[in-house]
């Protein structure tokens, strides 16, 4: 299993566990009040299989019980190497503005969230949505949030966020696009659609903020004067 596949598998398993935890209403490490603690054989078998895959993914990614190889785990806050600039998509130099970011995002409004989805004709997940929006603007981003969080340049706080910045939350497990004026757009969760919403992100729950488009572009000039 390649490192990229291992990290993506880790992210998928974490997403599944998070969905299960939300539906149960209790942390994975604690037994929910009122539950007997009994686990069905099928659930136990699935948990064992996931644990095995997770351990294999960690091993292939360079993480062992004795410690972590920081250089081998890109995309994890605190373990990532230097930020990498977003690569211009093939055939384009890359560009955009605050308004063009929103216009590109609006083309996907109403599409269903599909975990692992990468087909605009069917549905997208959060990182695939971001990838498609910036590809439309001429920038090629990696597929997963773990890699996207290393792109562009860091932004220190929400007070400094500009329209078009990427907002990472849930320990980099989710990404949305900030639109300014207290709004953001994302592919939120199973059962929901891509939508523009009130930005609930703040300095207390944001893992990282990344600026993809360069400050010298038309984006930078437009965003600098946009209301936050």
C-alpha atoms as a PDB file:
ATOM      1  CA  UNK A   1       0.000   0.000   0.000  1.00  0.00           C
ATOM      2  CA  UNK A   2       1.450   3.374  -0.994  1.00  0.00           C
ATOM      3  CA  UNK A   3       1.774   6.184   1.555  1.00  0.00           C
ATOM      4  CA  UNK A   4      -0.913   8.238  -0.205  1.00  0.00           C
ATOM      5  CA  UNK A   5      -3.285   5.289  -0.190  1.00  0.00           C
ATOM      6  CA  UNK A   6      -2.469   4.587   3.456  1.00  0.00           C
ATOM      7  CA  UNK A   7      -3.229   8.149   4.521  1.00  0.00           C
ATOM      8  CA  UNK A   8      -6.413   8.219   2.487  1.00  0.00           C
ATOM      9  CA  UNK A   9      -7.497   4.927   4.077  1.00  0.00           C
ATOM     10  CA  UNK A  10      -6.776   6.355   7.533  1.00  0.00           C
ATOM     11  CA  UNK A  11      -8.936   9.371   6.707  1.00  0.00           C
ATOM     12  CA  UNK A  12     -11.748   7.133   5.449  1.00  0.00           C
ATOM     13  CA  UNK A  13     -11.678   4.992   8.604  1.00  0.00           C
ATOM     14  CA  UNK A  14     -11.658   8.098  10.806  1.00  0.00           C
ATOM     15  CA  UNK A  15     -14.622   9.466   8.896  1.00  0.00           C
ATOM     16  CA  UNK A  16     -16.521   6.215   9.359  1.00  0.00           C
ATOM     17  CA  UNK A  17     -15.735   6.119  13.080  1.00  0.00           C
ATOM     18  CA  UNK A  18     -16.828   9.733  13.430  1.00  0.00           C
ATOM     19  CA  UNK A  19     -20.142   8.995  11.722  1.00  0.00           C
ATOM     20  CA  UNK A  20     -20.691   5.965  13.956  1.00  0.00           C
ATOM     21  CA  UNK A  21     -19.831   7.974  17.071  1.00  0.00           C
ATOM     22  CA  UNK A  22     -22.268  10.721  16.103  1.00  0.00           C
ATOM     23  CA  UNK A  23     -25.083   8.236  15.571  1.00  0.00           C
ATOM     24  CA  UNK A  24     -24.389   6.551  18.915  1.00  0.00           C
ATOM     25  CA  UNK A  25     -24.094   9.845  20.760  1.00  0.00           C
ATOM     26  CA  UNK A  26     -20.985   8.770  22.698  1.00  0.00           C
ATOM     27  CA  UNK A  27     -17.207   8.918  22.222  1.00  0.00           C
ATOM     28  CA  UNK A  28     -15.596   5.849  20.708  1.00  0.00           C
ATOM     29  CA  UNK A  29     -13.489   5.339  23.827  1.00  0.00           C
ATOM     30  CA  UNK A  30     -16.402   5.394  26.285  1.00  0.00           C
ATOM     31  CA  UNK A  31     -19.494   3.269  26.655  1.00  0.00           C
ATOM     32  CA  UNK A  32     -22.689   5.258  26.160  1.00  0.00           C
ATOM     33  CA  UNK A  33     -24.929   5.516  29.244  1.00  0.00           C
ATOM     34  CA  UNK A  34     -27.639   2.908  29.275  1.00  0.00           C
ATOM     35  CA  UNK A  35     -25.854   0.566  26.874  1.00  0.00           C
ATOM     36  CA  UNK A  36     -25.066  -2.967  27.909  1.00  0.00           C
ATOM     37  CA  UNK A  37     -21.612  -2.941  26.341  1.00  0.00           C
ATOM     38  CA  UNK A  38     -22.409  -6.016  24.278  1.00  0.00           C
ATOM     39  CA  UNK A  39     -21.197  -6.005  20.680  1.00  0.00           C
ATOM     40  CA  UNK A  40     -22.633  -8.147  17.925  1.00  0.00           C
ATOM     41  CA  UNK A  41     -20.293 -10.644  16.249  1.00  0.00           C
ATOM     42  CA  UNK A  42     -20.659  -8.799  12.943  1.00  0.00           C
ATOM     43  CA  UNK A  43     -19.728  -5.464  14.538  1.00  0.00           C
ATOM     44  CA  UNK A  44     -16.786  -7.062  16.321  1.00  0.00           C
ATOM     45  CA  UNK A  45     -15.530  -8.611  13.081  1.00  0.00           C
ATOM     46  CA  UNK A  46     -15.816  -5.280  11.253  1.00  0.00           C
ATOM     47  CA  UNK A  47     -14.008  -3.468  14.060  1.00  0.00           C
ATOM     48  CA  UNK A  48     -11.199  -6.038  13.969  1.00  0.00           C
ATOM     49  CA  UNK A  49     -10.890  -5.690  10.211  1.00  0.00           C
ATOM     50  CA  UNK A  50     -10.780  -1.905  10.446  1.00  0.00           C
ATOM     51  CA  UNK A  51      -8.175  -2.108  13.213  1.00  0.00           C
ATOM     52  CA  UNK A  52      -6.033  -4.367  11.050  1.00  0.00           C
ATOM     53  CA  UNK A  53      -6.290  -2.046   8.040  1.00  0.00           C
ATOM     54  CA  UNK A  54      -5.623   0.979  10.243  1.00  0.00           C
ATOM     55  CA  UNK A  55      -2.520  -0.641  11.721  1.00  0.00           C
ATOM     56  CA  UNK A  56      -1.277  -1.568   8.255  1.00  0.00           C
ATOM     57  CA  UNK A  57      -1.886   1.975   7.012  1.00  0.00           C
ATOM     58  CA  UNK A  58      -0.021   3.455   9.967  1.00  0.00           C
ATOM     59  CA  UNK A  59       2.852   1.062   9.424  1.00  0.00           C
ATOM     60  CA  UNK A  60       3.108   1.938   5.751  1.00  0.00           C
ATOM     61  CA  UNK A  61       2.902   5.635   6.602  1.00  0.00           C
ATOM     62  CA  UNK A  62       5.888   5.349   8.958  1.00  0.00           C
ATOM     63  CA  UNK A  63       4.018   5.410  12.271  1.00  0.00           C
ATOM     64  CA  UNK A  64       4.988   2.726  14.778  1.00  0.00           C
ATOM     65  CA  UNK A  65       4.170   1.935  18.387  1.00  0.00           C
ATOM     66  CA  UNK A  66       7.545   3.296  19.402  1.00  0.00           C
ATOM     67  CA  UNK A  67       7.120   6.671  17.813  1.00  0.00           C
ATOM     68  CA  UNK A  68       6.341   8.656  14.686  1.00  0.00           C
ATOM     69  CA  UNK A  69       8.466   9.426  11.686  1.00  0.00           C
ATOM     70  CA  UNK A  70       7.358  13.031  11.205  1.00  0.00           C
ATOM     71  CA  UNK A  71       8.800  13.328   7.709  1.00  0.00           C
ATOM     72  CA  UNK A  72       6.768  10.304   6.592  1.00  0.00           C
ATOM     73  CA  UNK A  73       3.349  11.652   7.554  1.00  0.00           C
ATOM     74  CA  UNK A  74       2.557  14.644   5.318  1.00  0.00           C
ATOM     75  CA  UNK A  75      -0.673  16.497   5.889  1.00  0.00           C
ATOM     76  CA  UNK A  76      -0.930  15.989   9.644  1.00  0.00           C
ATOM     77  CA  UNK A  77      -0.734  19.299  11.590  1.00  0.00           C
ATOM     78  CA  UNK A  78       2.412  19.395  13.689  1.00  0.00           C
ATOM     79  CA  UNK A  79       4.006  16.634  11.611  1.00  0.00           C
ATOM     80  CA  UNK A  80       3.981  18.235   8.184  1.00  0.00           C
ATOM     81  CA  UNK A  81       6.985  19.514   6.315  1.00  0.00           C
ATOM     82  CA  UNK A  82       7.254  22.936   4.648  1.00  0.00           C
ATOM     83  CA  UNK A  83       4.170  24.170   2.845  1.00  0.00           C
ATOM     84  CA  UNK A  84       3.966  23.429  -0.855  1.00  0.00           C
ATOM     85  CA  UNK A  85       2.555  25.923  -3.355  1.00  0.00           C
ATOM     86  CA  UNK A  86      -0.520  24.823  -5.258  1.00  0.00           C
ATOM     87  CA  UNK A  87       0.475  23.669  -8.719  1.00  0.00           C
ATOM     88  CA  UNK A  88      -1.169  25.358 -11.709  1.00  0.00           C
ATOM     89  CA  UNK A  89      -3.426  22.920 -13.527  1.00  0.00           C
ATOM     90  CA  UNK A  90      -2.219  21.605 -16.845  1.00  0.00           C
ATOM     91  CA  UNK A  91      -2.937  24.080 -19.615  1.00  0.00           C
ATOM     92  CA  UNK A  92      -3.457  27.072 -17.320  1.00  0.00           C
ATOM     93  CA  UNK A  93      -1.304  29.467 -15.343  1.00  0.00           C
ATOM     94  CA  UNK A  94      -3.780  29.759 -12.497  1.00  0.00           C
ATOM     95  CA  UNK A  95      -5.688  32.836 -11.480  1.00  0.00           C
ATOM     96  CA  UNK A  96      -8.937  34.048 -10.027  1.00  0.00           C
ATOM     97  CA  UNK A  97     -10.616  36.551  -7.771  1.00  0.00           C
ATOM     98  CA  UNK A  98     -12.837  36.525  -4.719  1.00  0.00           C
ATOM     99  CA  UNK A  99     -15.886  36.588  -6.969  1.00  0.00           C
ATOM    100  CA  UNK A 100     -14.564  33.868  -9.290  1.00  0.00           C
ATOM    101  CA  UNK A 101     -13.965  31.512  -6.350  1.00  0.00           C
ATOM    102  CA  UNK A 102     -17.601  31.865  -5.321  1.00  0.00           C
ATOM    103  CA  UNK A 103     -18.760  31.572  -8.937  1.00  0.00           C
ATOM    104  CA  UNK A 104     -16.773  28.353  -9.349  1.00  0.00           C
ATOM    105  CA  UNK A 105     -18.217  26.980  -6.102  1.00  0.00           C
ATOM    106  CA  UNK A 106     -21.779  27.862  -7.090  1.00  0.00           C
ATOM    107  CA  UNK A 107     -21.595  25.495 -10.063  1.00  0.00           C
ATOM    108  CA  UNK A 108     -21.623  22.589  -7.595  1.00  0.00           C
ATOM    109  CA  UNK A 109     -24.383  23.784  -5.266  1.00  0.00           C
ATOM    110  CA  UNK A 110     -27.037  21.145  -4.661  1.00  0.00           C
ATOM    111  CA  UNK A 111     -24.799  18.162  -5.428  1.00  0.00           C
ATOM    112  CA  UNK A 112     -25.100  15.462  -2.749  1.00  0.00           C
ATOM    113  CA  UNK A 113     -22.283  14.693  -0.355  1.00  0.00           C
ATOM    114  CA  UNK A 114     -20.905  11.241  -1.156  1.00  0.00           C
ATOM    115  CA  UNK A 115     -18.131   9.856   1.015  1.00  0.00           C
ATOM    116  CA  UNK A 116     -15.172   9.325  -1.299  1.00  0.00           C
ATOM    117  CA  UNK A 117     -17.165  10.799  -4.192  1.00  0.00           C
ATOM    118  CA  UNK A 118     -15.170  12.364  -7.013  1.00  0.00           C
ATOM    119  CA  UNK A 119     -17.721  12.544  -9.834  1.00  0.00           C
ATOM    120  CA  UNK A 120     -19.613  15.846 -10.196  1.00  0.00           C
ATOM    121  CA  UNK A 121     -22.336  13.967 -12.042  1.00  0.00           C
ATOM    122  CA  UNK A 122     -23.025  11.906  -8.930  1.00  0.00           C
ATOM    123  CA  UNK A 123     -21.671  13.690  -5.844  1.00  0.00           C
ATOM    124  CA  UNK A 124     -18.540  14.867  -4.060  1.00  0.00           C
ATOM    125  CA  UNK A 125     -17.036  14.823  -0.597  1.00  0.00           C
ATOM    126  CA  UNK A 126     -15.540  17.907   1.060  1.00  0.00           C
ATOM    127  CA  UNK A 127     -11.991  17.628  -0.282  1.00  0.00           C
ATOM    128  CA  UNK A 128     -13.085  16.589  -3.767  1.00  0.00           C
ATOM    129  CA  UNK A 129     -15.389  19.613  -3.923  1.00  0.00           C
ATOM    130  CA  UNK A 130     -12.492  21.909  -3.017  1.00  0.00           C
ATOM    131  CA  UNK A 131     -10.259  20.181  -5.549  1.00  0.00           C
ATOM    132  CA  UNK A 132     -12.808  20.705  -8.339  1.00  0.00           C
ATOM    133  CA  UNK A 133     -13.420  24.369  -7.486  1.00  0.00           C
ATOM    134  CA  UNK A 134      -9.729  25.264  -7.578  1.00  0.00           C
ATOM    135  CA  UNK A 135      -9.109  23.130 -10.638  1.00  0.00           C
ATOM    136  CA  UNK A 136     -11.742  25.230 -12.405  1.00  0.00           C
ATOM    137  CA  UNK A 137      -9.686  28.284 -11.436  1.00  0.00           C
ATOM    138  CA  UNK A 138      -6.489  26.748 -12.810  1.00  0.00           C
ATOM    139  CA  UNK A 139      -4.973  25.314  -9.628  1.00  0.00           C
ATOM    140  CA  UNK A 140      -4.421  21.609  -9.042  1.00  0.00           C
ATOM    141  CA  UNK A 141      -4.792  20.563  -5.396  1.00  0.00           C
ATOM    142  CA  UNK A 142      -4.267  17.084  -3.922  1.00  0.00           C
ATOM    143  CA  UNK A 143      -7.268  14.842  -3.397  1.00  0.00           C
ATOM    144  CA  UNK A 144      -7.443  14.574   0.404  1.00  0.00           C
ATOM    145  CA  UNK A 145      -7.654  17.113   3.223  1.00  0.00           C
ATOM    146  CA  UNK A 146      -4.461  15.645   4.730  1.00  0.00           C
ATOM    147  CA  UNK A 147      -2.537  16.817   1.661  1.00  0.00           C
ATOM    148  CA  UNK A 148      -4.556  19.961   0.924  1.00  0.00           C
ATOM    149  CA  UNK A 149      -3.661  21.391   4.340  1.00  0.00           C
ATOM    150  CA  UNK A 150      -0.035  21.603   3.183  1.00  0.00           C
ATOM    151  CA  UNK A 151      -0.836  23.695   0.118  1.00  0.00           C
ATOM    152  CA  UNK A 152      -0.553  27.464  -0.211  1.00  0.00           C
ATOM    153  CA  UNK A 153       0.413  29.641   2.734  1.00  0.00           C
ATOM    154  CA  UNK A 154      -0.831  29.642   6.347  1.00  0.00           C
ATOM    155  CA  UNK A 155      -3.244  32.253   7.697  1.00  0.00           C
ATOM    156  CA  UNK A 156      -2.934  32.985  11.397  1.00  0.00           C
ATOM    157  CA  UNK A 157      -6.574  33.490  12.385  1.00  0.00           C
ATOM    158  CA  UNK A 158     -10.139  33.916  11.162  1.00  0.00           C
ATOM    159  CA  UNK A 159      -9.696  37.652  11.553  1.00  0.00           C
ATOM    160  CA  UNK A 160      -7.145  37.482   8.748  1.00  0.00           C
ATOM    161  CA  UNK A 161      -9.098  35.051   6.555  1.00  0.00           C
ATOM    162  CA  UNK A 162     -10.056  36.240   3.092  1.00  0.00           C
ATOM    163  CA  UNK A 163     -12.645  34.966   0.626  1.00  0.00           C
ATOM    164  CA  UNK A 164     -11.250  31.877  -1.061  1.00  0.00           C
ATOM    165  CA  UNK A 165      -9.197  30.677   1.913  1.00  0.00           C
ATOM    166  CA  UNK A 166      -9.562  27.037   2.941  1.00  0.00           C
ATOM    167  CA  UNK A 167     -10.829  26.360   6.470  1.00  0.00           C
ATOM    168  CA  UNK A 168      -9.809  23.005   7.970  1.00  0.00           C
ATOM    169  CA  UNK A 169     -11.681  21.659  10.986  1.00  0.00           C
ATOM    170  CA  UNK A 170     -12.116  18.379  12.909  1.00  0.00           C
ATOM    171  CA  UNK A 171      -8.364  17.814  13.093  1.00  0.00           C
ATOM    172  CA  UNK A 172      -8.050  18.364   9.326  1.00  0.00           C
ATOM    173  CA  UNK A 173     -10.822  15.862   8.616  1.00  0.00           C
ATOM    174  CA  UNK A 174     -13.047  18.490   6.967  1.00  0.00           C
ATOM    175  CA  UNK A 175     -12.449  21.455   4.672  1.00  0.00           C
ATOM    176  CA  UNK A 176     -14.642  24.330   3.548  1.00  0.00           C
ATOM    177  CA  UNK A 177     -14.094  27.468   1.454  1.00  0.00           C
ATOM    178  CA  UNK A 178     -14.471  30.820   3.171  1.00  0.00           C
ATOM    179  CA  UNK A 179     -16.539  33.305   1.140  1.00  0.00           C
ATOM    180  CA  UNK A 180     -16.327  36.363   3.384  1.00  0.00           C
ATOM    181  CA  UNK A 181     -19.196  38.230   5.031  1.00  0.00           C
ATOM    182  CA  UNK A 182     -19.596  35.397   7.534  1.00  0.00           C
ATOM    183  CA  UNK A 183     -20.313  32.786   4.857  1.00  0.00           C
ATOM    184  CA  UNK A 184     -18.641  29.549   3.795  1.00  0.00           C
ATOM    185  CA  UNK A 185     -19.385  26.779   1.316  1.00  0.00           C
ATOM    186  CA  UNK A 186     -18.732  23.062   1.657  1.00  0.00           C
ATOM    187  CA  UNK A 187     -19.867  19.508   1.071  1.00  0.00           C
ATOM    188  CA  UNK A 188     -20.903  18.910   4.685  1.00  0.00           C
ATOM    189  CA  UNK A 189     -21.860  15.294   5.483  1.00  0.00           C
ATOM    190  CA  UNK A 190     -23.823  12.264   4.249  1.00  0.00           C
ATOM    191  CA  UNK A 191     -27.447  13.135   3.624  1.00  0.00           C
ATOM    192  CA  UNK A 192     -26.649  16.801   2.869  1.00  0.00           C
ATOM    193  CA  UNK A 193     -25.820  18.739  -0.274  1.00  0.00           C
ATOM    194  CA  UNK A 194     -23.137  21.259  -1.178  1.00  0.00           C
ATOM    195  CA  UNK A 195     -24.395  24.594   0.098  1.00  0.00           C
ATOM    196  CA  UNK A 196     -23.465  28.119   1.088  1.00  0.00           C
ATOM    197  CA  UNK A 197     -24.033  28.547   4.813  1.00  0.00           C
ATOM    198  CA  UNK A 198     -23.240  30.723   7.799  1.00  0.00           C
ATOM    199  CA  UNK A 199     -19.607  30.157   8.741  1.00  0.00           C
ATOM    200  CA  UNK A 200     -19.524  28.366  12.088  1.00  0.00           C
ATOM    201  CA  UNK A 201     -15.735  28.134  11.943  1.00  0.00           C
ATOM    202  CA  UNK A 202     -13.811  30.170  14.528  1.00  0.00           C
ATOM    203  CA  UNK A 203     -10.334  30.236  16.042  1.00  0.00           C
ATOM    204  CA  UNK A 204     -11.448  27.692  18.627  1.00  0.00           C
ATOM    205  CA  UNK A 205     -12.443  24.966  16.188  1.00  0.00           C
ATOM    206  CA  UNK A 206     -10.305  25.650  13.108  1.00  0.00           C
ATOM    207  CA  UNK A 207      -7.289  23.366  12.746  1.00  0.00           C
ATOM    208  CA  UNK A 208      -5.693  25.392   9.948  1.00  0.00           C
ATOM    209  CA  UNK A 209      -6.423  28.123   7.410  1.00  0.00           C
ATOM    210  CA  UNK A 210      -4.630  28.011   4.071  1.00  0.00           C
ATOM    211  CA  UNK A 211      -4.460  30.631   1.321  1.00  0.00           C
ATOM    212  CA  UNK A 212      -4.111  28.932  -2.042  1.00  0.00           C
ATOM    213  CA  UNK A 213      -4.103  31.763  -4.553  1.00  0.00           C
ATOM    214  CA  UNK A 214      -1.120  34.140  -4.394  1.00  0.00           C
ATOM    215  CA  UNK A 215      -1.526  37.586  -2.883  1.00  0.00           C
ATOM    216  CA  UNK A 216      -0.268  39.199  -6.082  1.00  0.00           C
ATOM    217  CA  UNK A 217      -3.079  37.742  -8.187  1.00  0.00           C
ATOM    218  CA  UNK A 218      -6.330  39.482  -8.984  1.00  0.00           C
ATOM    219  CA  UNK A 219      -7.764  37.356  -6.185  1.00  0.00           C
ATOM    220  CA  UNK A 220      -5.511  39.032  -3.636  1.00  0.00           C
ATOM    221  CA  UNK A 221      -6.451  42.531  -4.756  1.00  0.00           C
ATOM    222  CA  UNK A 222     -10.162  41.785  -4.720  1.00  0.00           C
ATOM    223  CA  UNK A 223     -10.153  39.848  -1.482  1.00  0.00           C
ATOM    224  CA  UNK A 224      -8.182  42.478   0.401  1.00  0.00           C
ATOM    225  CA  UNK A 225     -11.064  44.901  -0.002  1.00  0.00           C
ATOM    226  CA  UNK A 226     -13.829  42.370   0.572  1.00  0.00           C
ATOM    227  CA  UNK A 227     -15.863  42.544   3.740  1.00  0.00           C
ATOM    228  CA  UNK A 228     -15.073  39.848   6.241  1.00  0.00           C
END
